């Protein structure tokens, strides 16, 4: 999982999916927001799905991609348990719950993803 997130483009894609919430985004919208060519994006999305960090679903002719929050929380818990020297309070919080989408979050997400933040 960490290897899948170690690439700048995949990390930007994953951040965008996390910000989009459980409903996810269609692949074309991800490509547009991050200015990534569709074939390149398909490669990166497949790596995230194969790593268990993202899920995909077909709706009509579109494929939507969303972060798998359970897997992300399990990874955070693993890192907290194993990387905080036995002191999880140093690394809290160890879970993420998707927040309701707001208009400002939608508008800001592409800019943050492009900046790599």
PDB file of N, CA and C in Angstrom:
ATOM      1  N   UNK A   1       0.824  -1.197   0.000  1.00  0.00           N
ATOM      2  CA  UNK A   1       0.000   0.000   0.000  1.00  0.00           C
ATOM      3  C   UNK A   1       0.862   1.252   0.000  1.00  0.00           C
ATOM      4  N   UNK A   2       1.901   1.233   0.810  1.00  0.00           N
ATOM      5  CA  UNK A   2       2.767   2.407   0.857  1.00  0.00           C
ATOM      6  C   UNK A   2       3.472   2.614  -0.477  1.00  0.00           C
ATOM      7  N   UNK A   3       3.837   1.507  -1.132  1.00  0.00           N
ATOM      8  CA  UNK A   3       4.456   1.609  -2.451  1.00  0.00           C
ATOM      9  C   UNK A   3       3.517   2.259  -3.458  1.00  0.00           C
ATOM     10  N   UNK A   4       2.229   1.924  -3.377  1.00  0.00           N
ATOM     11  CA  UNK A   4       1.254   2.513  -4.294  1.00  0.00           C
ATOM     12  C   UNK A   4       1.133   4.014  -4.062  1.00  0.00           C
ATOM     13  N   UNK A   5       1.273   4.447  -2.828  1.00  0.00           N
ATOM     14  CA  UNK A   5       1.154   5.872  -2.505  1.00  0.00           C
ATOM     15  C   UNK A   5       2.462   6.636  -2.686  1.00  0.00           C
ATOM     16  N   UNK A   6       3.541   5.921  -2.984  1.00  0.00           N
ATOM     17  CA  UNK A   6       4.859   6.549  -3.070  1.00  0.00           C
ATOM     18  C   UNK A   6       5.075   7.319  -4.369  1.00  0.00           C
ATOM     19  N   UNK A   7       4.163   7.234  -5.297  1.00  0.00           N
ATOM     20  CA  UNK A   7       4.285   7.955  -6.567  1.00  0.00           C
ATOM     21  C   UNK A   7       3.463   9.244  -6.490  1.00  0.00           C
ATOM     22  N   UNK A   8       4.029  10.340  -6.950  1.00  0.00           N
ATOM     23  CA  UNK A   8       3.359  11.650  -6.842  1.00  0.00           C
ATOM     24  C   UNK A   8       1.963  11.658  -7.467  1.00  0.00           C
ATOM     25  N   UNK A   9       1.831  11.093  -8.653  1.00  0.00           N
ATOM     26  CA  UNK A   9       0.524  11.105  -9.317  1.00  0.00           C
ATOM     27  C   UNK A   9      -0.476  10.263  -8.557  1.00  0.00           C
ATOM     28  N   UNK A  10      -0.078   9.057  -8.125  1.00  0.00           N
ATOM     29  CA  UNK A  10      -1.016   8.206  -7.382  1.00  0.00           C
ATOM     30  C   UNK A  10      -1.410   8.859  -6.068  1.00  0.00           C
ATOM     31  N   UNK A  11      -0.476   9.513  -5.399  1.00  0.00           N
ATOM     32  CA  UNK A  11      -0.809  10.192  -4.150  1.00  0.00           C
ATOM     33  C   UNK A  11      -1.803  11.323  -4.404  1.00  0.00           C
ATOM     34  N   UNK A  12      -1.614  12.075  -5.481  1.00  0.00           N
ATOM     35  CA  UNK A  12      -2.553  13.155  -5.822  1.00  0.00           C
ATOM     36  C   UNK A  12      -3.932  12.582  -6.147  1.00  0.00           C
ATOM     37  N   UNK A  13      -3.970  11.480  -6.885  1.00  0.00           N
ATOM     38  CA  UNK A  13      -5.240  10.826  -7.209  1.00  0.00           C
ATOM     39  C   UNK A  13      -5.915  10.360  -5.933  1.00  0.00           C
ATOM     40  N   UNK A  14      -5.159   9.731  -5.053  1.00  0.00           N
ATOM     41  CA  UNK A  14      -5.730   9.208  -3.812  1.00  0.00           C
ATOM     42  C   UNK A  14      -6.266  10.336  -2.938  1.00  0.00           C
ATOM     43  N   UNK A  15      -5.522  11.405  -2.822  1.00  0.00           N
ATOM     44  CA  UNK A  15      -5.997  12.556  -2.040  1.00  0.00           C
ATOM     45  C   UNK A  15      -7.312  13.083  -2.602  1.00  0.00           C
ATOM     46  N   UNK A  16      -7.392  13.173  -3.907  1.00  0.00           N
ATOM     47  CA  UNK A  16      -8.613  13.665  -4.538  1.00  0.00           C
ATOM     48  C   UNK A  16      -9.782  12.724  -4.248  1.00  0.00           C
ATOM     49  N   UNK A  17      -9.536  11.417  -4.307  1.00  0.00           N
ATOM     50  CA  UNK A  17     -10.601  10.455  -4.014  1.00  0.00           C
ATOM     51  C   UNK A  17     -11.032  10.538  -2.547  1.00  0.00           C
ATOM     52  N   UNK A  18     -10.087  10.695  -1.644  1.00  0.00           N
ATOM     53  CA  UNK A  18     -10.433  10.817  -0.220  1.00  0.00           C
ATOM     54  C   UNK A  18     -11.302  12.053  -0.017  1.00  0.00           C
ATOM     55  N   UNK A  19     -10.920  13.155  -0.633  1.00  0.00           N
ATOM     56  CA  UNK A  19     -11.687  14.391  -0.492  1.00  0.00           C
ATOM     57  C   UNK A  19     -13.066  14.289  -1.143  1.00  0.00           C
ATOM     58  N   UNK A  20     -13.189  13.474  -2.180  1.00  0.00           N
ATOM     59  CA  UNK A  20     -14.468  13.328  -2.880  1.00  0.00           C
ATOM     60  C   UNK A  20     -15.486  12.562  -2.047  1.00  0.00           C
ATOM     61  N   UNK A  21     -15.018  11.772  -1.087  1.00  0.00           N
ATOM     62  CA  UNK A  21     -15.929  11.014  -0.244  1.00  0.00           C
ATOM     63  C   UNK A  21     -16.255   9.655  -0.835  1.00  0.00           C
ATOM     64  N   UNK A  22     -17.117   8.918  -0.162  1.00  0.00           N
ATOM     65  CA  UNK A  22     -17.389   7.534  -0.555  1.00  0.00           C
ATOM     66  C   UNK A  22     -18.040   7.383  -1.931  1.00  0.00           C
ATOM     67  N   UNK A  23     -18.687   8.417  -2.424  1.00  0.00           N
ATOM     68  CA  UNK A  23     -19.301   8.307  -3.749  1.00  0.00           C
ATOM     69  C   UNK A  23     -18.263   8.311  -4.866  1.00  0.00           C
ATOM     70  N   UNK A  24     -17.081   8.834  -4.582  1.00  0.00           N
ATOM     71  CA  UNK A  24     -15.997   8.819  -5.553  1.00  0.00           C
ATOM     72  C   UNK A  24     -16.201   9.775  -6.711  1.00  0.00           C
ATOM     73  N   UNK A  25     -15.369   9.583  -7.724  1.00  0.00           N
ATOM     74  CA  UNK A  25     -15.399  10.423  -8.920  1.00  0.00           C
ATOM     75  C   UNK A  25     -15.242   9.550 -10.155  1.00  0.00           C
ATOM     76  N   UNK A  26     -15.836   9.972 -11.271  1.00  0.00           N
ATOM     77  CA  UNK A  26     -15.582   9.236 -12.505  1.00  0.00           C
ATOM     78  C   UNK A  26     -14.146   9.449 -12.960  1.00  0.00           C
ATOM     79  N   UNK A  27     -13.597   8.442 -13.629  1.00  0.00           N
ATOM     80  CA  UNK A  27     -12.201   8.510 -14.070  1.00  0.00           C
ATOM     81  C   UNK A  27     -11.941   9.756 -14.907  1.00  0.00           C
ATOM     82  N   UNK A  28     -12.868  10.101 -15.791  1.00  0.00           N
ATOM     83  CA  UNK A  28     -12.681  11.285 -16.632  1.00  0.00           C
ATOM     84  C   UNK A  28     -12.562  12.569 -15.827  1.00  0.00           C
ATOM     85  N   UNK A  29     -13.315  12.662 -14.751  1.00  0.00           N
ATOM     86  CA  UNK A  29     -13.255  13.849 -13.892  1.00  0.00           C
ATOM     87  C   UNK A  29     -11.921  13.912 -13.150  1.00  0.00           C
ATOM     88  N   UNK A  30     -11.436  12.765 -12.698  1.00  0.00           N
ATOM     89  CA  UNK A  30     -10.125  12.727 -12.040  1.00  0.00           C
ATOM     90  C   UNK A  30      -9.047  13.179 -13.017  1.00  0.00           C
ATOM     91  N   UNK A  31      -9.101  12.654 -14.239  1.00  0.00           N
ATOM     92  CA  UNK A  31      -8.118  13.034 -15.261  1.00  0.00           C
ATOM     93  C   UNK A  31      -8.166  14.536 -15.525  1.00  0.00           C
ATOM     94  N   UNK A  32      -9.375  15.081 -15.627  1.00  0.00           N
ATOM     95  CA  UNK A  32      -9.524  16.516 -15.895  1.00  0.00           C
ATOM     96  C   UNK A  32      -8.988  17.362 -14.757  1.00  0.00           C
ATOM     97  N   UNK A  33      -9.369  17.003 -13.532  1.00  0.00           N
ATOM     98  CA  UNK A  33      -8.955  17.817 -12.383  1.00  0.00           C
ATOM     99  C   UNK A  33      -7.450  17.797 -12.159  1.00  0.00           C
ATOM    100  N   UNK A  34      -6.815  16.665 -12.442  1.00  0.00           N
ATOM    101  CA  UNK A  34      -5.377  16.550 -12.194  1.00  0.00           C
ATOM    102  C   UNK A  34      -4.543  16.749 -13.451  1.00  0.00           C
ATOM    103  N   UNK A  35      -5.218  16.951 -14.585  1.00  0.00           N
ATOM    104  CA  UNK A  35      -4.534  17.147 -15.869  1.00  0.00           C
ATOM    105  C   UNK A  35      -3.574  15.986 -16.159  1.00  0.00           C
ATOM    106  N   UNK A  36      -4.133  14.770 -16.054  1.00  0.00           N
ATOM    107  CA  UNK A  36      -3.381  13.543 -16.313  1.00  0.00           C
ATOM    108  C   UNK A  36      -4.007  12.866 -17.523  1.00  0.00           C
ATOM    109  N   UNK A  37      -3.206  12.456 -18.520  1.00  0.00           N
ATOM    110  CA  UNK A  37      -3.779  11.765 -19.678  1.00  0.00           C
ATOM    111  C   UNK A  37      -4.515  10.489 -19.251  1.00  0.00           C
ATOM    112  N   UNK A  38      -5.671  10.196 -19.854  1.00  0.00           N
ATOM    113  CA  UNK A  38      -6.446   9.015 -19.457  1.00  0.00           C
ATOM    114  C   UNK A  38      -5.664   7.700 -19.411  1.00  0.00           C
ATOM    115  N   UNK A  39      -4.808   7.380 -20.396  1.00  0.00           N
ATOM    116  CA  UNK A  39      -4.070   6.110 -20.283  1.00  0.00           C
ATOM    117  C   UNK A  39      -3.147   6.069 -19.060  1.00  0.00           C
ATOM    118  N   UNK A  40      -2.515   7.185 -18.765  1.00  0.00           N
ATOM    119  CA  UNK A  40      -1.641   7.264 -17.587  1.00  0.00           C
ATOM    120  C   UNK A  40      -2.463   7.122 -16.321  1.00  0.00           C
ATOM    121  N   UNK A  41      -3.612   7.802 -16.281  1.00  0.00           N
ATOM    122  CA  UNK A  41      -4.471   7.723 -15.108  1.00  0.00           C
ATOM    123  C   UNK A  41      -4.959   6.291 -14.891  1.00  0.00           C
ATOM    124  N   UNK A  42      -5.339   5.606 -15.951  1.00  0.00           N
ATOM    125  CA  UNK A  42      -5.810   4.219 -15.829  1.00  0.00           C
ATOM    126  C   UNK A  42      -4.758   3.344 -15.162  1.00  0.00           C
ATOM    127  N   UNK A  43      -3.517   3.522 -15.549  1.00  0.00           N
ATOM    128  CA  UNK A  43      -2.412   2.769 -14.947  1.00  0.00           C
ATOM    129  C   UNK A  43      -2.337   3.033 -13.441  1.00  0.00           C
ATOM    130  N   UNK A  44      -2.398   4.300 -13.053  1.00  0.00           N
ATOM    131  CA  UNK A  44      -2.290   4.659 -11.635  1.00  0.00           C
ATOM    132  C   UNK A  44      -3.519   4.215 -10.838  1.00  0.00           C
ATOM    133  N   UNK A  45      -4.694   4.346 -11.426  1.00  0.00           N
ATOM    134  CA  UNK A  45      -5.907   3.895 -10.736  1.00  0.00           C
ATOM    135  C   UNK A  45      -5.863   2.387 -10.502  1.00  0.00           C
ATOM    136  N   UNK A  46      -5.405   1.630 -11.481  1.00  0.00           N
ATOM    137  CA  UNK A  46      -5.315   0.176 -11.331  1.00  0.00           C
ATOM    138  C   UNK A  46      -4.364  -0.171 -10.186  1.00  0.00           C
ATOM    139  N   UNK A  47      -3.251   0.547 -10.055  1.00  0.00           N
ATOM    140  CA  UNK A  47      -2.325   0.294  -8.936  1.00  0.00           C
ATOM    141  C   UNK A  47      -3.000   0.547  -7.594  1.00  0.00           C
ATOM    142  N   UNK A  48      -3.791   1.610  -7.493  1.00  0.00           N
ATOM    143  CA  UNK A  48      -4.480   1.908  -6.236  1.00  0.00           C
ATOM    144  C   UNK A  48      -5.534   0.855  -5.921  1.00  0.00           C
ATOM    145  N   UNK A  49      -6.264   0.403  -6.934  1.00  0.00           N
ATOM    146  CA  UNK A  49      -7.267  -0.651  -6.728  1.00  0.00           C
ATOM    147  C   UNK A  49      -6.577  -1.954  -6.345  1.00  0.00           C
ATOM    148  N   UNK A  50      -5.506  -2.310  -7.065  1.00  0.00           N
ATOM    149  CA  UNK A  50      -4.781  -3.552  -6.769  1.00  0.00           C
ATOM    150  C   UNK A  50      -4.185  -3.542  -5.364  1.00  0.00           C
ATOM    151  N   UNK A  51      -3.809  -2.369  -4.864  1.00  0.00           N
ATOM    152  CA  UNK A  51      -3.249  -2.254  -3.512  1.00  0.00           C
ATOM    153  C   UNK A  51      -4.347  -2.273  -2.445  1.00  0.00           C
ATOM    154  N   UNK A  52      -5.609  -2.225  -2.864  1.00  0.00           N
ATOM    155  CA  UNK A  52      -6.717  -2.230  -1.917  1.00  0.00           C
ATOM    156  C   UNK A  52      -7.065  -0.863  -1.359  1.00  0.00           C
ATOM    157  N   UNK A  53      -6.447   0.178  -1.885  1.00  0.00           N
ATOM    158  CA  UNK A  53      -6.683   1.531  -1.384  1.00  0.00           C
ATOM    159  C   UNK A  53      -7.890   2.200  -2.028  1.00  0.00           C
ATOM    160  N   UNK A  54      -8.331   1.681  -3.155  1.00  0.00           N
ATOM    161  CA  UNK A  54      -9.454   2.275  -3.880  1.00  0.00           C
ATOM    162  C   UNK A  54     -10.368   1.167  -4.390  1.00  0.00           C
ATOM    163  N   UNK A  55     -11.602   1.548  -4.628  1.00  0.00           N
ATOM    164  CA  UNK A  55     -12.585   0.636  -5.219  1.00  0.00           C
ATOM    165  C   UNK A  55     -13.142   1.306  -6.472  1.00  0.00           C
ATOM    166  N   UNK A  56     -13.567   0.467  -7.407  1.00  0.00           N
ATOM    167  CA  UNK A  56     -14.167   1.002  -8.626  1.00  0.00           C
ATOM    168  C   UNK A  56     -15.548   0.403  -8.817  1.00  0.00           C
ATOM    169  N   UNK A  57     -16.405   1.169  -9.483  1.00  0.00           N
ATOM    170  CA  UNK A  57     -17.745   0.678  -9.799  1.00  0.00           C
ATOM    171  C   UNK A  57     -18.188   1.306 -11.118  1.00  0.00           C
ATOM    172  N   UNK A  58     -18.904   0.531 -11.877  1.00  0.00           N
ATOM    173  CA  UNK A  58     -19.400   1.005 -13.164  1.00  0.00           C
ATOM    174  C   UNK A  58     -20.804   1.564 -12.981  1.00  0.00           C
ATOM    175  N   UNK A  59     -21.027   2.733 -13.552  1.00  0.00           N
ATOM    176  CA  UNK A  59     -22.359   3.337 -13.620  1.00  0.00           C
ATOM    177  C   UNK A  59     -22.563   3.747 -15.072  1.00  0.00           C
ATOM    178  N   UNK A  60     -23.345   2.957 -15.769  1.00  0.00           N
ATOM    179  CA  UNK A  60     -23.539   3.226 -17.191  1.00  0.00           C
ATOM    180  C   UNK A  60     -22.220   3.039 -17.926  1.00  0.00           C
ATOM    181  N   UNK A  61     -21.806   4.076 -18.615  1.00  0.00           N
ATOM    182  CA  UNK A  61     -20.556   4.014 -19.373  1.00  0.00           C
ATOM    183  C   UNK A  61     -19.366   4.538 -18.576  1.00  0.00           C
ATOM    184  N   UNK A  62     -19.594   5.018 -17.368  1.00  0.00           N
ATOM    185  CA  UNK A  62     -18.521   5.599 -16.553  1.00  0.00           C
ATOM    186  C   UNK A  62     -18.055   4.631 -15.473  1.00  0.00           C
ATOM    187  N   UNK A  63     -16.789   4.725 -15.146  1.00  0.00           N
ATOM    188  CA  UNK A  63     -16.245   3.989 -14.006  1.00  0.00           C
ATOM    189  C   UNK A  63     -15.890   5.012 -12.941  1.00  0.00           C
ATOM    190  N   UNK A  64     -16.474   4.832 -11.768  1.00  0.00           N
ATOM    191  CA  UNK A  64     -16.217   5.714 -10.636  1.00  0.00           C
ATOM    192  C   UNK A  64     -15.168   5.070  -9.746  1.00  0.00           C
ATOM    193  N   UNK A  65     -14.300   5.881  -9.201  1.00  0.00           N
ATOM    194  CA  UNK A  65     -13.269   5.411  -8.281  1.00  0.00           C
ATOM    195  C   UNK A  65     -13.412   6.149  -6.961  1.00  0.00           C
ATOM    196  N   UNK A  66     -13.284   5.405  -5.875  1.00  0.00           N
ATOM    197  CA  UNK A  66     -13.414   5.983  -4.536  1.00  0.00           C
ATOM    198  C   UNK A  66     -12.362   5.375  -3.626  1.00  0.00           C
ATOM    199  N   UNK A  67     -11.949   6.138  -2.640  1.00  0.00           N
ATOM    200  CA  UNK A  67     -11.024   5.621  -1.626  1.00  0.00           C
ATOM    201  C   UNK A  67     -11.740   4.548  -0.816  1.00  0.00           C
ATOM    202  N   UNK A  68     -11.008   3.514  -0.452  1.00  0.00           N
ATOM    203  CA  UNK A  68     -11.538   2.484   0.446  1.00  0.00           C
ATOM    204  C   UNK A  68     -11.152   2.914   1.861  1.00  0.00           C
ATOM    205  N   UNK A  69     -12.107   3.524   2.559  1.00  0.00           N
ATOM    206  CA  UNK A  69     -11.818   4.090   3.878  1.00  0.00           C
ATOM    207  C   UNK A  69     -11.446   3.024   4.903  1.00  0.00           C
ATOM    208  N   UNK A  70     -12.027   1.834   4.819  1.00  0.00           N
ATOM    209  CA  UNK A  70     -11.688   0.766   5.772  1.00  0.00           C
ATOM    210  C   UNK A  70     -10.219   0.382   5.629  1.00  0.00           C
ATOM    211  N   UNK A  71      -9.762   0.245   4.394  1.00  0.00           N
ATOM    212  CA  UNK A  71      -8.353  -0.098   4.167  1.00  0.00           C
ATOM    213  C   UNK A  71      -7.449   1.044   4.601  1.00  0.00           C
ATOM    214  N   UNK A  72      -7.858   2.272   4.290  1.00  0.00           N
ATOM    215  CA  UNK A  72      -7.048   3.425   4.692  1.00  0.00           C
ATOM    216  C   UNK A  72      -6.938   3.489   6.212  1.00  0.00           C
ATOM    217  N   UNK A  73      -8.042   3.254   6.911  1.00  0.00           N
ATOM    218  CA  UNK A  73      -8.011   3.282   8.374  1.00  0.00           C
ATOM    219  C   UNK A  73      -7.166   2.145   8.930  1.00  0.00           C
ATOM    220  N   UNK A  74      -7.210   0.977   8.293  1.00  0.00           N
ATOM    221  CA  UNK A  74      -6.367  -0.137   8.738  1.00  0.00           C
ATOM    222  C   UNK A  74      -4.893   0.200   8.552  1.00  0.00           C
ATOM    223  N   UNK A  75      -4.560   0.844   7.449  1.00  0.00           N
ATOM    224  CA  UNK A  75      -3.173   1.264   7.226  1.00  0.00           C
ATOM    225  C   UNK A  75      -2.754   2.288   8.270  1.00  0.00           C
ATOM    226  N   UNK A  76      -3.633   3.242   8.556  1.00  0.00           N
ATOM    227  CA  UNK A  76      -3.317   4.245   9.582  1.00  0.00           C
ATOM    228  C   UNK A  76      -3.129   3.586  10.947  1.00  0.00           C
ATOM    229  N   UNK A  77      -3.972   2.615  11.267  1.00  0.00           N
ATOM    230  CA  UNK A  77      -3.843   1.908  12.544  1.00  0.00           C
ATOM    231  C   UNK A  77      -2.528   1.150  12.606  1.00  0.00           C
ATOM    232  N   UNK A  78      -2.163   0.481  11.513  1.00  0.00           N
ATOM    233  CA  UNK A  78      -0.889  -0.241  11.458  1.00  0.00           C
ATOM    234  C   UNK A  78       0.273   0.717  11.692  1.00  0.00           C
ATOM    235  N   UNK A  79       0.261   1.849  11.006  1.00  0.00           N
ATOM    236  CA  UNK A  79       1.351   2.822  11.157  1.00  0.00           C
ATOM    237  C   UNK A  79       1.391   3.379  12.575  1.00  0.00           C
ATOM    238  N   UNK A  80       0.214   3.634  13.131  1.00  0.00           N
ATOM    239  CA  UNK A  80       0.151   4.146  14.497  1.00  0.00           C
ATOM    240  C   UNK A  80       0.707   3.128  15.483  1.00  0.00           C
ATOM    241  N   UNK A  81       0.309   1.868  15.335  1.00  0.00           N
ATOM    242  CA  UNK A  81       0.771   0.814  16.240  1.00  0.00           C
ATOM    243  C   UNK A  81       2.258   0.543  16.100  1.00  0.00           C
ATOM    244  N   UNK A  82       2.766   0.639  14.881  1.00  0.00           N
ATOM    245  CA  UNK A  82       4.139   0.210  14.632  1.00  0.00           C
ATOM    246  C   UNK A  82       5.147   1.336  14.476  1.00  0.00           C
ATOM    247  N   UNK A  83       4.703   2.544  14.350  1.00  0.00           N
ATOM    248  CA  UNK A  83       5.644   3.632  14.061  1.00  0.00           C
ATOM    249  C   UNK A  83       5.662   4.731  15.119  1.00  0.00           C
ATOM    250  N   UNK A  84       4.898   4.576  16.175  1.00  0.00           N
ATOM    251  CA  UNK A  84       4.821   5.640  17.172  1.00  0.00           C
ATOM    252  C   UNK A  84       5.520   5.250  18.471  1.00  0.00           C
ATOM    253  N   UNK A  85       6.390   4.271  18.403  1.00  0.00           N
ATOM    254  CA  UNK A  85       7.147   3.878  19.586  1.00  0.00           C
ATOM    255  C   UNK A  85       6.282   3.433  20.740  1.00  0.00           C
ATOM    256  N   UNK A  86       5.128   2.798  20.435  1.00  0.00           N
ATOM    257  CA  UNK A  86       4.251   2.346  21.506  1.00  0.00           C
ATOM    258  C   UNK A  86       3.463   3.464  22.156  1.00  0.00           C
ATOM    259  N   UNK A  87       3.526   4.652  21.593  1.00  0.00           N
ATOM    260  CA  UNK A  87       2.803   5.805  22.143  1.00  0.00           C
ATOM    261  C   UNK A  87       1.860   6.366  21.091  1.00  0.00           C
ATOM    262  N   UNK A  88       0.700   5.720  20.886  1.00  0.00           N
ATOM    263  CA  UNK A  88      -0.209   6.148  19.828  1.00  0.00           C
ATOM    264  C   UNK A  88      -0.691   7.585  19.964  1.00  0.00           C
ATOM    265  N   UNK A  89      -0.661   8.135  21.173  1.00  0.00           N
ATOM    266  CA  UNK A  89      -1.097   9.527  21.347  1.00  0.00           C
ATOM    267  C   UNK A  89      -0.220  10.487  20.552  1.00  0.00           C
ATOM    268  N   UNK A  90       1.001  10.071  20.226  1.00  0.00           N
ATOM    269  CA  UNK A  90       1.889  10.915  19.421  1.00  0.00           C
ATOM    270  C   UNK A  90       1.443  10.986  17.965  1.00  0.00           C
ATOM    271  N   UNK A  91       0.655  10.012  17.536  1.00  0.00           N
ATOM    272  CA  UNK A  91       0.274   9.918  16.132  1.00  0.00           C
ATOM    273  C   UNK A  91      -1.219  10.087  15.893  1.00  0.00           C
ATOM    274  N   UNK A  92      -2.001  10.336  16.914  1.00  0.00           N
ATOM    275  CA  UNK A  92      -3.456  10.410  16.763  1.00  0.00           C
ATOM    276  C   UNK A  92      -3.839  11.539  15.815  1.00  0.00           C
ATOM    277  N   UNK A  93      -4.946  11.476  15.129  1.00  0.00           N
ATOM    278  CA  UNK A  93      -5.933  10.411  15.117  1.00  0.00           C
ATOM    279  C   UNK A  93      -5.536   9.311  14.144  1.00  0.00           C
ATOM    280  N   UNK A  94      -6.064   8.115  14.385  1.00  0.00           N
ATOM    281  CA  UNK A  94      -5.698   6.973  13.562  1.00  0.00           C
ATOM    282  C   UNK A  94      -6.832   6.517  12.656  1.00  0.00           C
ATOM    283  N   UNK A  95      -7.866   7.332  12.490  1.00  0.00           N
ATOM    284  CA  UNK A  95      -8.931   6.933  11.575  1.00  0.00           C
ATOM    285  C   UNK A  95      -9.488   8.159  10.867  1.00  0.00           C
ATOM    286  N   UNK A  96     -10.156   7.890   9.790  1.00  0.00           N
ATOM    287  CA  UNK A  96     -10.718   8.970   8.980  1.00  0.00           C
ATOM    288  C   UNK A  96     -12.142   8.606   8.624  1.00  0.00           C
ATOM    289  N   UNK A  97     -13.024   9.526   8.815  1.00  0.00           N
ATOM    290  CA  UNK A  97     -14.400   9.364   8.393  1.00  0.00           C
ATOM    291  C   UNK A  97     -14.650  10.403   7.324  1.00  0.00           C
ATOM    292  N   UNK A  98     -15.183   9.993   6.181  1.00  0.00           N
ATOM    293  CA  UNK A  98     -15.417  10.985   5.136  1.00  0.00           C
ATOM    294  C   UNK A  98     -16.363  12.075   5.621  1.00  0.00           C
ATOM    295  N   UNK A  99     -16.008  13.300   5.320  1.00  0.00           N
ATOM    296  CA  UNK A  99     -16.860  14.412   5.724  1.00  0.00           C
ATOM    297  C   UNK A  99     -17.858  14.705   4.619  1.00  0.00           C
ATOM    298  N   UNK A 100     -18.986  15.296   4.987  1.00  0.00           N
ATOM    299  CA  UNK A 100     -19.957  15.653   3.956  1.00  0.00           C
ATOM    300  C   UNK A 100     -19.316  16.627   2.973  1.00  0.00           C
ATOM    301  N   UNK A 101     -19.631  16.426   1.714  1.00  0.00           N
ATOM    302  CA  UNK A 101     -19.056  17.281   0.688  1.00  0.00           C
ATOM    303  C   UNK A 101     -19.680  18.668   0.772  1.00  0.00           C
ATOM    304  N   UNK A 102     -18.831  19.688   0.731  1.00  0.00           N
ATOM    305  CA  UNK A 102     -19.315  21.065   0.693  1.00  0.00           C
ATOM    306  C   UNK A 102     -18.810  21.703  -0.582  1.00  0.00           C
ATOM    307  N   UNK A 103     -19.424  22.759  -0.973  1.00  0.00           N
ATOM    308  CA  UNK A 103     -19.038  23.438  -2.219  1.00  0.00           C
ATOM    309  C   UNK A 103     -17.588  23.892  -2.159  1.00  0.00           C
ATOM    310  N   UNK A 104     -17.118  24.426  -1.037  1.00  0.00           N
ATOM    311  CA  UNK A 104     -15.745  24.911  -0.947  1.00  0.00           C
ATOM    312  C   UNK A 104     -14.756  23.761  -1.046  1.00  0.00           C
ATOM    313  N   UNK A 105     -15.095  22.595  -0.486  1.00  0.00           N
ATOM    314  CA  UNK A 105     -14.213  21.435  -0.608  1.00  0.00           C
ATOM    315  C   UNK A 105     -14.106  20.994  -2.059  1.00  0.00           C
ATOM    316  N   UNK A 106     -15.210  21.022  -2.801  1.00  0.00           N
ATOM    317  CA  UNK A 106     -15.188  20.624  -4.209  1.00  0.00           C
ATOM    318  C   UNK A 106     -14.293  21.545  -5.016  1.00  0.00           C
ATOM    319  N   UNK A 107     -14.410  22.849  -4.771  1.00  0.00           N
ATOM    320  CA  UNK A 107     -13.643  23.816  -5.544  1.00  0.00           C
ATOM    321  C   UNK A 107     -12.169  23.776  -5.197  1.00  0.00           C
ATOM    322  N   UNK A 108     -11.848  23.499  -3.953  1.00  0.00           N
ATOM    323  CA  UNK A 108     -10.469  23.542  -3.496  1.00  0.00           C
ATOM    324  C   UNK A 108      -9.713  22.256  -3.781  1.00  0.00           C
ATOM    325  N   UNK A 109     -10.403  21.130  -3.896  1.00  0.00           N
ATOM    326  CA  UNK A 109      -9.750  19.830  -4.063  1.00  0.00           C
ATOM    327  C   UNK A 109      -8.805  19.777  -5.256  1.00  0.00           C
ATOM    328  N   UNK A 110      -9.205  20.241  -6.450  1.00  0.00           N
ATOM    329  CA  UNK A 110      -8.280  20.128  -7.577  1.00  0.00           C
ATOM    330  C   UNK A 110      -7.007  20.940  -7.369  1.00  0.00           C
ATOM    331  N   UNK A 111      -7.126  22.116  -6.785  1.00  0.00           N
ATOM    332  CA  UNK A 111      -5.941  22.941  -6.565  1.00  0.00           C
ATOM    333  C   UNK A 111      -5.002  22.282  -5.576  1.00  0.00           C
ATOM    334  N   UNK A 112      -5.545  21.714  -4.488  1.00  0.00           N
ATOM    335  CA  UNK A 112      -4.691  21.040  -3.504  1.00  0.00           C
ATOM    336  C   UNK A 112      -4.023  19.829  -4.119  1.00  0.00           C
ATOM    337  N   UNK A 113      -4.761  19.071  -4.931  1.00  0.00           N
ATOM    338  CA  UNK A 113      -4.199  17.864  -5.543  1.00  0.00           C
ATOM    339  C   UNK A 113      -3.062  18.222  -6.487  1.00  0.00           C
ATOM    340  N   UNK A 114      -3.237  19.284  -7.274  1.00  0.00           N
ATOM    341  CA  UNK A 114      -2.172  19.690  -8.195  1.00  0.00           C
ATOM    342  C   UNK A 114      -0.952  20.191  -7.450  1.00  0.00           C
ATOM    343  N   UNK A 115      -1.162  20.844  -6.307  1.00  0.00           N
ATOM    344  CA  UNK A 115      -0.040  21.354  -5.530  1.00  0.00           C
ATOM    345  C   UNK A 115       0.659  20.251  -4.771  1.00  0.00           C
ATOM    346  N   UNK A 116       0.024  19.087  -4.673  1.00  0.00           N
ATOM    347  CA  UNK A 116       0.630  17.969  -3.960  1.00  0.00           C
ATOM    348  C   UNK A 116       0.498  18.109  -2.457  1.00  0.00           C
ATOM    349  N   UNK A 117      -0.537  18.779  -2.002  1.00  0.00           N
ATOM    350  CA  UNK A 117      -0.759  18.953  -0.559  1.00  0.00           C
ATOM    351  C   UNK A 117      -1.849  18.089  -0.090  1.00  0.00           C
TER     352      UNK A 117
END
